[in-house]
Amino acid sequence: KSALVRTDFNKSSLAGTKFTDVKLTDVKLTMVDLRKTIF
């Protein structure tokens, strides 16, 4: 339930990172490995 508005994830590790009940608005995910990310 985080507020993710114009949030920028750049070259960051999101392995096992969990996004639950989130509205991602104008978010950028650049050069990110999302294979183990949980939405």
PDB file of all heavy atoms in Angstrom:
ATOM      1  N   LYS A   1       0.821  -1.217   0.000  1.00  0.00           N
ATOM      2  CA  LYS A   1       0.000   0.000   0.000  1.00  0.00           C
ATOM      3  C   LYS A   1       0.858   1.271   0.000  1.00  0.00           C
ATOM      4  O   LYS A   1       0.460   2.309   0.551  1.00  0.00           O
ATOM      5  CB  LYS A   1      -0.972   0.001   1.192  1.00  0.00           C
ATOM      6  CG  LYS A   1      -2.006  -1.107   1.132  1.00  0.00           C
ATOM      7  CD  LYS A   1      -3.034  -1.016   2.258  1.00  0.00           C
ATOM      8  CE  LYS A   1      -4.087  -2.115   2.137  1.00  0.00           C
ATOM      9  NZ  LYS A   1      -5.092  -2.049   3.213  1.00  0.00           N
ATOM     10  N   SER A   2       2.021   1.205  -0.610  1.00  0.00           N
ATOM     11  CA  SER A   2       2.886   2.393  -0.727  1.00  0.00           C
ATOM     12  C   SER A   2       2.356   3.310  -1.835  1.00  0.00           C
ATOM     13  O   SER A   2       1.723   2.851  -2.784  1.00  0.00           O
ATOM     14  CB  SER A   2       4.325   1.973  -1.052  1.00  0.00           C
ATOM     15  OG  SER A   2       4.822   1.105  -0.062  1.00  0.00           O
ATOM     16  N   ALA A   3       2.650   4.611  -1.716  1.00  0.00           N
ATOM     17  CA  ALA A   3       2.290   5.577  -2.760  1.00  0.00           C
ATOM     18  C   ALA A   3       3.465   5.679  -3.720  1.00  0.00           C
ATOM     19  O   ALA A   3       4.491   6.272  -3.400  1.00  0.00           O
ATOM     20  CB  ALA A   3       1.972   6.931  -2.138  1.00  0.00           C
ATOM     21  N   LEU A   4       3.314   5.059  -4.887  1.00  0.00           N
ATOM     22  CA  LEU A   4       4.367   5.073  -5.902  1.00  0.00           C
ATOM     23  C   LEU A   4       3.904   5.923  -7.074  1.00  0.00           C
ATOM     24  O   LEU A   4       3.182   5.457  -7.960  1.00  0.00           O
ATOM     25  CB  LEU A   4       4.693   3.647  -6.359  1.00  0.00           C
ATOM     26  CG  LEU A   4       5.209   2.687  -5.285  1.00  0.00           C
ATOM     27  CD1 LEU A   4       5.433   1.295  -5.868  1.00  0.00           C
ATOM     28  CD2 LEU A   4       6.506   3.196  -4.677  1.00  0.00           C
ATOM     29  N   VAL A   5       4.300   7.195  -7.048  1.00  0.00           N
ATOM     30  CA  VAL A   5       3.922   8.141  -8.103  1.00  0.00           C
ATOM     31  C   VAL A   5       5.201   8.778  -8.652  1.00  0.00           C
ATOM     32  O   VAL A   5       5.966   9.393  -7.896  1.00  0.00           O
ATOM     33  CB  VAL A   5       2.980   9.238  -7.564  1.00  0.00           C
ATOM     34  CG1 VAL A   5       2.593  10.199  -8.683  1.00  0.00           C
ATOM     35  CG2 VAL A   5       1.740   8.624  -6.928  1.00  0.00           C
ATOM     36  N   ARG A   6       5.439   8.590  -9.929  1.00  0.00           N
ATOM     37  CA  ARG A   6       6.669   9.087 -10.587  1.00  0.00           C
ATOM     38  C   ARG A   6       7.922   8.551  -9.871  1.00  0.00           C
ATOM     39  O   ARG A   6       8.961   9.203  -9.841  1.00  0.00           O
ATOM     40  CB  ARG A   6       6.694  10.615 -10.654  1.00  0.00           C
ATOM     41  CG  ARG A   6       5.583  11.206 -11.519  1.00  0.00           C
ATOM     42  CD  ARG A   6       5.671  12.728 -11.588  1.00  0.00           C
ATOM     43  NE  ARG A   6       5.530  13.341 -10.280  1.00  0.00           N
ATOM     44  CZ  ARG A   6       4.366  13.585  -9.690  1.00  0.00           C
ATOM     45  NH1 ARG A   6       3.239  13.294 -10.301  1.00  0.00           N
ATOM     46  NH2 ARG A   6       4.326  14.138  -8.495  1.00  0.00           N
ATOM     47  N   THR A   7       7.798   7.378  -9.297  1.00  0.00           N
ATOM     48  CA  THR A   7       8.928   6.734  -8.629  1.00  0.00           C
ATOM     49  C   THR A   7       9.803   6.057  -9.680  1.00  0.00           C
ATOM     50  O   THR A   7       9.298   5.436 -10.612  1.00  0.00           O
ATOM     51  CB  THR A   7       8.430   5.705  -7.604  1.00  0.00           C
ATOM     52  OG1 THR A   7       7.412   6.309  -6.793  1.00  0.00           O
ATOM     53  CG2 THR A   7       9.555   5.224  -6.720  1.00  0.00           C
ATOM     54  N   ASP A   8      11.110   6.176  -9.512  1.00  0.00           N
ATOM     55  CA  ASP A   8      12.051   5.680 -10.514  1.00  0.00           C
ATOM     56  C   ASP A   8      12.928   4.583  -9.900  1.00  0.00           C
ATOM     57  O   ASP A   8      13.664   4.827  -8.944  1.00  0.00           O
ATOM     58  CB  ASP A   8      12.922   6.847 -11.008  1.00  0.00           C
ATOM     59  CG  ASP A   8      13.791   6.461 -12.188  1.00  0.00           C
ATOM     60  OD1 ASP A   8      13.776   5.286 -12.578  1.00  0.00           O
ATOM     61  OD2 ASP A   8      14.486   7.336 -12.728  1.00  0.00           O
ATOM     62  N   PHE A   9      12.823   3.376 -10.457  1.00  0.00           N
ATOM     63  CA  PHE A   9      13.693   2.274 -10.065  1.00  0.00           C
ATOM     64  C   PHE A   9      14.680   2.050 -11.203  1.00  0.00           C
ATOM     65  O   PHE A   9      14.279   1.664 -12.309  1.00  0.00           O
ATOM     66  CB  PHE A   9      12.888   0.991  -9.812  1.00  0.00           C
ATOM     67  CG  PHE A   9      11.919   1.082  -8.660  1.00  0.00           C
ATOM     68  CD1 PHE A   9      10.613   1.498  -8.871  1.00  0.00           C
ATOM     69  CD2 PHE A   9      12.313   0.757  -7.375  1.00  0.00           C
ATOM     70  CE1 PHE A   9       9.704   1.578  -7.817  1.00  0.00           C
ATOM     71  CE2 PHE A   9      11.416   0.832  -6.307  1.00  0.00           C
ATOM     72  CZ  PHE A   9      10.109   1.250  -6.529  1.00  0.00           C
ATOM     73  N   ASN A  10      15.955   2.305 -10.935  1.00  0.00           N
ATOM     74  CA  ASN A  10      16.960   2.273 -11.990  1.00  0.00           C
ATOM     75  C   ASN A  10      18.134   1.380 -11.591  1.00  0.00           C
ATOM     76  O   ASN A  10      18.799   1.631 -10.593  1.00  0.00           O
ATOM     77  CB  ASN A  10      17.450   3.708 -12.271  1.00  0.00           C
ATOM     78  CG  ASN A  10      18.371   3.790 -13.462  1.00  0.00           C
ATOM     79  OD1 ASN A  10      18.616   2.801 -14.154  1.00  0.00           O
ATOM     80  ND2 ASN A  10      18.892   4.973 -13.719  1.00  0.00           N
ATOM     81  N   LYS A  11      18.363   0.330 -12.366  1.00  0.00           N
ATOM     82  CA  LYS A  11      19.503  -0.575 -12.134  1.00  0.00           C
ATOM     83  C   LYS A  11      19.540  -1.070 -10.692  1.00  0.00           C
ATOM     84  O   LYS A  11      20.607  -1.185 -10.084  1.00  0.00           O
ATOM     85  CB  LYS A  11      20.821   0.122 -12.481  1.00  0.00           C
ATOM     86  CG  LYS A  11      20.930   0.574 -13.926  1.00  0.00           C
ATOM     87  CD  LYS A  11      22.230   1.308 -14.172  1.00  0.00           C
ATOM     88  CE  LYS A  11      22.297   1.837 -15.592  1.00  0.00           C
ATOM     89  NZ  LYS A  11      23.531   2.623 -15.832  1.00  0.00           N
ATOM     90  N   SER A  12      18.394  -1.369 -10.146  1.00  0.00           N
ATOM     91  CA  SER A  12      18.314  -1.809  -8.751  1.00  0.00           C
ATOM     92  C   SER A  12      17.858  -3.262  -8.670  1.00  0.00           C
ATOM     93  O   SER A  12      17.185  -3.765  -9.577  1.00  0.00           O
ATOM     94  CB  SER A  12      17.356  -0.914  -7.960  1.00  0.00           C
ATOM     95  OG  SER A  12      17.862   0.409  -7.880  1.00  0.00           O
ATOM     96  N   SER A  13      18.230  -3.927  -7.587  1.00  0.00           N
ATOM     97  CA  SER A  13      17.847  -5.318  -7.387  1.00  0.00           C
ATOM     98  C   SER A  13      16.482  -5.394  -6.701  1.00  0.00           C
ATOM     99  O   SER A  13      16.282  -4.802  -5.644  1.00  0.00           O
ATOM    100  CB  SER A  13      18.899  -6.035  -6.533  1.00  0.00           C
ATOM    101  OG  SER A  13      18.457  -7.345  -6.210  1.00  0.00           O
ATOM    102  N   LEU A  14      15.548  -6.127  -7.324  1.00  0.00           N
ATOM    103  CA  LEU A  14      14.210  -6.285  -6.760  1.00  0.00           C
ATOM    104  C   LEU A  14      13.884  -7.770  -6.577  1.00  0.00           C
ATOM    105  O   LEU A  14      12.728  -8.179  -6.665  1.00  0.00           O
ATOM    106  CB  LEU A  14      13.166  -5.621  -7.668  1.00  0.00           C
ATOM    107  CG  LEU A  14      13.262  -4.099  -7.825  1.00  0.00           C
ATOM    108  CD1 LEU A  14      12.247  -3.597  -8.845  1.00  0.00           C
ATOM    109  CD2 LEU A  14      13.031  -3.397  -6.495  1.00  0.00           C
ATOM    110  N   ALA A  15      14.897  -8.571  -6.300  1.00  0.00           N
ATOM    111  CA  ALA A  15      14.694 -10.008  -6.107  1.00  0.00           C
ATOM    112  C   ALA A  15      13.931 -10.262  -4.812  1.00  0.00           C
ATOM    113  O   ALA A  15      14.394  -9.901  -3.725  1.00  0.00           O
ATOM    114  CB  ALA A  15      16.039 -10.731  -6.073  1.00  0.00           C
ATOM    115  N   GLY A  16      12.740 -10.833  -4.930  1.00  0.00           N
ATOM    116  CA  GLY A  16      11.935 -11.104  -3.746  1.00  0.00           C
ATOM    117  C   GLY A  16      11.204  -9.898  -3.205  1.00  0.00           C
ATOM    118  O   GLY A  16      10.489  -9.995  -2.201  1.00  0.00           O
ATOM    119  N   THR A  17      11.363  -8.750  -3.844  1.00  0.00           N
ATOM    120  CA  THR A  17      10.670  -7.532  -3.414  1.00  0.00           C
ATOM    121  C   THR A  17       9.169  -7.706  -3.648  1.00  0.00           C
ATOM    122  O   THR A  17       8.744  -8.199  -4.685  1.00  0.00           O
ATOM    123  CB  THR A  17      11.183  -6.313  -4.200  1.00  0.00           C
ATOM    124  OG1 THR A  17      12.610  -6.272  -4.111  1.00  0.00           O
ATOM    125  CG2 THR A  17      10.597  -5.025  -3.652  1.00  0.00           C
ATOM    126  N   LYS A  18       8.361  -7.261  -2.684  1.00  0.00           N
ATOM    127  CA  LYS A  18       6.927  -7.530  -2.739  1.00  0.00           C
ATOM    128  C   LYS A  18       6.122  -6.236  -2.819  1.00  0.00           C
ATOM    129  O   LYS A  18       6.221  -5.374  -1.946  1.00  0.00           O
ATOM    130  CB  LYS A  18       6.508  -8.342  -1.512  1.00  0.00           C
ATOM    131  CG  LYS A  18       5.163  -9.035  -1.656  1.00  0.00           C
ATOM    132  CD  LYS A  18       4.956 -10.049  -0.546  1.00  0.00           C
ATOM    133  CE  LYS A  18       3.687 -10.860  -0.764  1.00  0.00           C
ATOM    134  NZ  LYS A  18       3.506 -11.894   0.289  1.00  0.00           N
ATOM    135  N   PHE A  19       5.336  -6.095  -3.897  1.00  0.00           N
ATOM    136  CA  PHE A  19       4.426  -4.964  -4.082  1.00  0.00           C
ATOM    137  C   PHE A  19       3.003  -5.499  -3.927  1.00  0.00           C
ATOM    138  O   PHE A  19       2.529  -6.277  -4.754  1.00  0.00           O
ATOM    139  CB  PHE A  19       4.604  -4.344  -5.464  1.00  0.00           C
ATOM    140  CG  PHE A  19       5.963  -3.738  -5.705  1.00  0.00           C
ATOM    141  CD1 PHE A  19       7.014  -4.515  -6.166  1.00  0.00           C
ATOM    142  CD2 PHE A  19       6.187  -2.384  -5.480  1.00  0.00           C
ATOM    143  CE1 PHE A  19       8.264  -3.958  -6.395  1.00  0.00           C
ATOM    144  CE2 PHE A  19       7.430  -1.823  -5.702  1.00  0.00           C
ATOM    145  CZ  PHE A  19       8.480  -2.616  -6.153  1.00  0.00           C
ATOM    146  N   THR A  20       2.329  -5.083  -2.855  1.00  0.00           N
ATOM    147  CA  THR A  20       0.997  -5.597  -2.558  1.00  0.00           C
ATOM    148  C   THR A  20      -0.004  -4.443  -2.438  1.00  0.00           C
ATOM    149  O   THR A  20       0.259  -3.461  -1.741  1.00  0.00           O
ATOM    150  CB  THR A  20       1.002  -6.394  -1.234  1.00  0.00           C
ATOM    151  OG1 THR A  20       2.036  -7.375  -1.272  1.00  0.00           O
ATOM    152  CG2 THR A  20      -0.334  -7.072  -1.008  1.00  0.00           C
ATOM    153  N   ASP A  21      -1.147  -4.577  -3.133  1.00  0.00           N
ATOM    154  CA  ASP A  21      -2.207  -3.554  -3.077  1.00  0.00           C
ATOM    155  C   ASP A  21      -1.646  -2.178  -3.407  1.00  0.00           C
ATOM    156  O   ASP A  21      -1.908  -1.188  -2.701  1.00  0.00           O
ATOM    157  CB  ASP A  21      -2.861  -3.521  -1.690  1.00  0.00           C
ATOM    158  CG  ASP A  21      -3.518  -4.844  -1.330  1.00  0.00           C
ATOM    159  OD1 ASP A  21      -4.035  -5.509  -2.235  1.00  0.00           O
ATOM    160  OD2 ASP A  21      -3.506  -5.223  -0.142  1.00  0.00           O
ATOM    161  N   VAL A  22      -0.872  -2.108  -4.497  1.00  0.00           N
ATOM    162  CA  VAL A  22      -0.204  -0.864  -4.879  1.00  0.00           C
ATOM    163  C   VAL A  22      -0.689  -0.412  -6.261  1.00  0.00           C
ATOM    164  O   VAL A  22      -0.839  -1.222  -7.172  1.00  0.00           O
ATOM    165  CB  VAL A  22       1.329  -1.047  -4.916  1.00  0.00           C
ATOM    166  CG1 VAL A  22       2.012   0.215  -5.433  1.00  0.00           C
ATOM    167  CG2 VAL A  22       1.848  -1.392  -3.529  1.00  0.00           C
ATOM    168  N   LYS A  23      -0.907   0.898  -6.384  1.00  0.00           N
ATOM    169  CA  LYS A  23      -1.153   1.493  -7.693  1.00  0.00           C
ATOM    170  C   LYS A  23       0.119   2.214  -8.112  1.00  0.00           C
ATOM    171  O   LYS A  23       0.506   3.209  -7.496  1.00  0.00           O
ATOM    172  CB  LYS A  23      -2.327   2.478  -7.642  1.00  0.00           C
ATOM    173  CG  LYS A  23      -2.637   3.107  -9.007  1.00  0.00           C
ATOM    174  CD  LYS A  23      -3.849   4.032  -8.940  1.00  0.00           C
ATOM    175  CE  LYS A  23      -4.151   4.616 -10.314  1.00  0.00           C
ATOM    176  NZ  LYS A  23      -5.330   5.528 -10.279  1.00  0.00           N
ATOM    177  N   LEU A  24       0.763   1.702  -9.137  1.00  0.00           N
ATOM    178  CA  LEU A  24       1.995   2.304  -9.636  1.00  0.00           C
ATOM    179  C   LEU A  24       1.629   3.316 -10.713  1.00  0.00           C
ATOM    180  O   LEU A  24       1.109   2.942 -11.771  1.00  0.00           O
ATOM    181  CB  LEU A  24       2.939   1.244 -10.212  1.00  0.00           C
ATOM    182  CG  LEU A  24       3.488   0.189  -9.233  1.00  0.00           C
ATOM    183  CD1 LEU A  24       2.520  -0.988  -9.102  1.00  0.00           C
ATOM    184  CD2 LEU A  24       4.848  -0.326  -9.689  1.00  0.00           C
ATOM    185  N   THR A  25       1.879   4.602 -10.442  1.00  0.00           N
ATOM    186  CA  THR A  25       1.478   5.667 -11.356  1.00  0.00           C
ATOM    187  C   THR A  25       2.700   6.388 -11.912  1.00  0.00           C
ATOM    188  O   THR A  25       3.494   6.944 -11.145  1.00  0.00           O
ATOM    189  CB  THR A  25       0.567   6.682 -10.633  1.00  0.00           C
ATOM    190  OG1 THR A  25      -0.569   5.993 -10.087  1.00  0.00           O
ATOM    191  CG2 THR A  25       0.085   7.749 -11.599  1.00  0.00           C
ATOM    192  N   ASP A  26       2.844   6.375 -13.244  1.00  0.00           N
ATOM    193  CA  ASP A  26       3.978   7.032 -13.914  1.00  0.00           C
ATOM    194  C   ASP A  26       5.313   6.563 -13.344  1.00  0.00           C
ATOM    195  O   ASP A  26       6.268   7.344 -13.226  1.00  0.00           O
ATOM    196  CB  ASP A  26       3.863   8.553 -13.808  1.00  0.00           C
ATOM    197  CG  ASP A  26       2.622   9.094 -14.502  1.00  0.00           C
ATOM    198  OD1 ASP A  26       2.174   8.449 -15.461  1.00  0.00           O
ATOM    199  OD2 ASP A  26       2.088  10.126 -14.063  1.00  0.00           O
ATOM    200  N   VAL A  27       5.384   5.309 -12.982  1.00  0.00           N
ATOM    201  CA  VAL A  27       6.608   4.716 -12.435  1.00  0.00           C
ATOM    202  C   VAL A  27       7.499   4.241 -13.579  1.00  0.00           C
ATOM    203  O   VAL A  27       7.019   3.766 -14.603  1.00  0.00           O
ATOM    204  CB  VAL A  27       6.262   3.533 -11.499  1.00  0.00           C
ATOM    205  CG1 VAL A  27       7.512   2.746 -11.111  1.00  0.00           C
ATOM    206  CG2 VAL A  27       5.544   4.038 -10.252  1.00  0.00           C
ATOM    207  N   LYS A  28       8.809   4.364 -13.397  1.00  0.00           N
ATOM    208  CA  LYS A  28       9.775   3.885 -14.390  1.00  0.00           C
ATOM    209  C   LYS A  28      10.599   2.760 -13.781  1.00  0.00           C
ATOM    210  O   LYS A  28      11.137   2.894 -12.676  1.00  0.00           O
ATOM    211  CB  LYS A  28      10.695   5.015 -14.856  1.00  0.00           C
ATOM    212  CG  LYS A  28       9.985   6.135 -15.598  1.00  0.00           C
ATOM    213  CD  LYS A  28      10.978   7.176 -16.109  1.00  0.00           C
ATOM    214  CE  LYS A  28      10.252   8.358 -16.770  1.00  0.00           C
ATOM    215  NZ  LYS A  28       9.499   7.935 -17.955  1.00  0.00           N
ATOM    216  N   LEU A  29      10.702   1.658 -14.520  1.00  0.00           N
ATOM    217  CA  LEU A  29      11.544   0.534 -14.115  1.00  0.00           C
ATOM    218  C   LEU A  29      12.538   0.294 -15.245  1.00  0.00           C
ATOM    219  O   LEU A  29      12.196  -0.280 -16.282  1.00  0.00           O
ATOM    220  CB  LEU A  29      10.701  -0.704 -13.857  1.00  0.00           C
ATOM    221  CG  LEU A  29       9.734  -0.581 -12.669  1.00  0.00           C
ATOM    222  CD1 LEU A  29       8.321  -0.958 -13.070  1.00  0.00           C
ATOM    223  CD2 LEU A  29      10.179  -1.438 -11.508  1.00  0.00           C
ATOM    224  N   THR A  30      13.768   0.784 -15.053  1.00  0.00           N
ATOM    225  CA  THR A  30      14.769   0.774 -16.113  1.00  0.00           C
ATOM    226  C   THR A  30      15.923  -0.151 -15.763  1.00  0.00           C
ATOM    227  O   THR A  30      16.519  -0.033 -14.687  1.00  0.00           O
ATOM    228  CB  THR A  30      15.317   2.195 -16.342  1.00  0.00           C
ATOM    229  OG1 THR A  30      14.227   3.088 -16.589  1.00  0.00           O
ATOM    230  CG2 THR A  30      16.254   2.227 -17.535  1.00  0.00           C
ATOM    231  N   MET A  31      16.212  -1.078 -16.674  1.00  0.00           N
ATOM    232  CA  MET A  31      17.322  -2.019 -16.506  1.00  0.00           C
ATOM    233  C   MET A  31      17.234  -2.715 -15.152  1.00  0.00           C
ATOM    234  O   MET A  31      18.185  -2.762 -14.376  1.00  0.00           O
ATOM    235  CB  MET A  31      18.671  -1.292 -16.668  1.00  0.00           C
ATOM    236  CG  MET A  31      18.862  -0.670 -18.026  1.00  0.00           C
ATOM    237  SD  MET A  31      20.468   0.138 -18.240  1.00  0.00           S
ATOM    238  CE  MET A  31      21.562  -1.292 -18.278  1.00  0.00           C
ATOM    239  N   VAL A  32      16.039  -3.264 -14.874  1.00  0.00           N
ATOM    240  CA  VAL A  32      15.775  -3.934 -13.601  1.00  0.00           C
ATOM    241  C   VAL A  32      15.436  -5.406 -13.860  1.00  0.00           C
ATOM    242  O   VAL A  32      14.680  -5.727 -14.784  1.00  0.00           O
ATOM    243  CB  VAL A  32      14.609  -3.259 -12.852  1.00  0.00           C
ATOM    244  CG1 VAL A  32      14.282  -4.012 -11.574  1.00  0.00           C
ATOM    245  CG2 VAL A  32      14.946  -1.814 -12.532  1.00  0.00           C
ATOM    246  N   ASP A  33      15.997  -6.285 -13.061  1.00  0.00           N
ATOM    247  CA  ASP A  33      15.666  -7.707 -13.138  1.00  0.00           C
ATOM    248  C   ASP A  33      14.450  -7.966 -12.257  1.00  0.00           C
ATOM    249  O   ASP A  33      14.523  -7.875 -11.038  1.00  0.00           O
ATOM    250  CB  ASP A  33      16.862  -8.539 -12.662  1.00  0.00           C
ATOM    251  CG  ASP A  33      16.652 -10.042 -12.879  1.00  0.00           C
ATOM    252  OD1 ASP A  33      15.502 -10.455 -13.101  1.00  0.00           O
ATOM    253  OD2 ASP A  33      17.644 -10.796 -12.813  1.00  0.00           O
ATOM    254  N   LEU A  34      13.314  -8.291 -12.892  1.00  0.00           N
ATOM    255  CA  LEU A  34      12.053  -8.458 -12.168  1.00  0.00           C
ATOM    256  C   LEU A  34      11.615  -9.916 -12.092  1.00  0.00           C
ATOM    257  O   LEU A  34      10.484 -10.197 -11.687  1.00  0.00           O
ATOM    258  CB  LEU A  34      10.956  -7.641 -12.858  1.00  0.00           C
ATOM    259  CG  LEU A  34      11.151  -6.117 -12.850  1.00  0.00           C
ATOM    260  CD1 LEU A  34      10.232  -5.459 -13.863  1.00  0.00           C
ATOM    261  CD2 LEU A  34      10.897  -5.549 -11.469  1.00  0.00           C
ATOM    262  N   ARG A  35      12.497 -10.832 -12.436  1.00  0.00           N
ATOM    263  CA  ARG A  35      12.084 -12.229 -12.528  1.00  0.00           C
ATOM    264  C   ARG A  35      11.609 -12.807 -11.192  1.00  0.00           C
ATOM    265  O   ARG A  35      10.797 -13.724 -11.164  1.00  0.00           O
ATOM    266  CB  ARG A  35      13.242 -13.081 -13.074  1.00  0.00           C
ATOM    267  CG  ARG A  35      13.501 -12.859 -14.568  1.00  0.00           C
ATOM    268  CD  ARG A  35      14.722 -13.638 -15.027  1.00  0.00           C
ATOM    269  NE  ARG A  35      15.937 -13.136 -14.395  1.00  0.00           N
ATOM    270  CZ  ARG A  35      17.139 -13.713 -14.547  1.00  0.00           C
ATOM    271  NH1 ARG A  35      17.259 -14.795 -15.282  1.00  0.00           N
ATOM    272  NH2 ARG A  35      18.199 -13.195 -13.957  1.00  0.00           N
ATOM    273  N   LYS A  36      12.117 -12.287 -10.076  1.00  0.00           N
ATOM    274  CA  LYS A  36      11.717 -12.793  -8.768  1.00  0.00           C
ATOM    275  C   LYS A  36      10.930 -11.762  -7.966  1.00  0.00           C
ATOM    276  O   LYS A  36      10.728 -11.932  -6.762  1.00  0.00           O
ATOM    277  CB  LYS A  36      12.967 -13.231  -7.987  1.00  0.00           C
ATOM    278  CG  LYS A  36      13.699 -14.404  -8.623  1.00  0.00           C
ATOM    279  CD  LYS A  36      14.899 -14.837  -7.788  1.00  0.00           C
ATOM    280  CE  LYS A  36      15.628 -16.023  -8.421  1.00  0.00           C
ATOM    281  NZ  LYS A  36      16.801 -16.441  -7.625  1.00  0.00           N
ATOM    282  N   THR A  37      10.493 -10.697  -8.633  1.00  0.00           N
ATOM    283  CA  THR A  37       9.693  -9.671  -7.963  1.00  0.00           C
ATOM    284  C   THR A  37       8.247 -10.143  -7.858  1.00  0.00           C
ATOM    285  O   THR A  37       7.729 -10.795  -8.763  1.00  0.00           O
ATOM    286  CB  THR A  37       9.768  -8.346  -8.741  1.00  0.00           C
ATOM    287  OG1 THR A  37      11.136  -7.998  -8.951  1.00  0.00           O
ATOM    288  CG2 THR A  37       9.074  -7.231  -7.983  1.00  0.00           C
ATOM    289  N   ILE A  38       7.589  -9.797  -6.766  1.00  0.00           N
ATOM    290  CA  ILE A  38       6.221 -10.257  -6.525  1.00  0.00           C
ATOM    291  C   ILE A  38       5.262  -9.069  -6.591  1.00  0.00           C
ATOM    292  O   ILE A  38       5.422  -8.089  -5.849  1.00  0.00           O
ATOM    293  CB  ILE A  38       6.105 -10.933  -5.145  1.00  0.00           C
ATOM    294  CG1 ILE A  38       7.078 -12.121  -5.068  1.00  0.00           C
ATOM    295  CG2 ILE A  38       4.680 -11.394  -4.878  1.00  0.00           C
ATOM    296  CD1 ILE A  38       7.277 -12.644  -3.656  1.00  0.00           C
ATOM    297  N   PHE A  39       4.277  -9.133  -7.491  1.00  0.00           N
ATOM    298  CA  PHE A  39       3.228  -8.124  -7.601  1.00  0.00           C
ATOM    299  C   PHE A  39       1.899  -8.790  -7.268  1.00  0.00           C
ATOM    300  O   PHE A  39       1.502  -9.761  -7.919  1.00  0.00           O
ATOM    301  CB  PHE A  39       3.171  -7.540  -9.010  1.00  0.00           C
ATOM    302  CG  PHE A  39       4.384  -6.739  -9.410  1.00  0.00           C
ATOM    303  CD1 PHE A  39       5.391  -7.312 -10.168  1.00  0.00           C
ATOM    304  CD2 PHE A  39       4.515  -5.408  -9.031  1.00  0.00           C
ATOM    305  CE1 PHE A  39       6.508  -6.582 -10.542  1.00  0.00           C
ATOM    306  CE2 PHE A  39       5.630  -4.666  -9.390  1.00  0.00           C
ATOM    307  CZ  PHE A  39       6.631  -5.261 -10.155  1.00  0.00           C
TER     308      PHE A  39
END
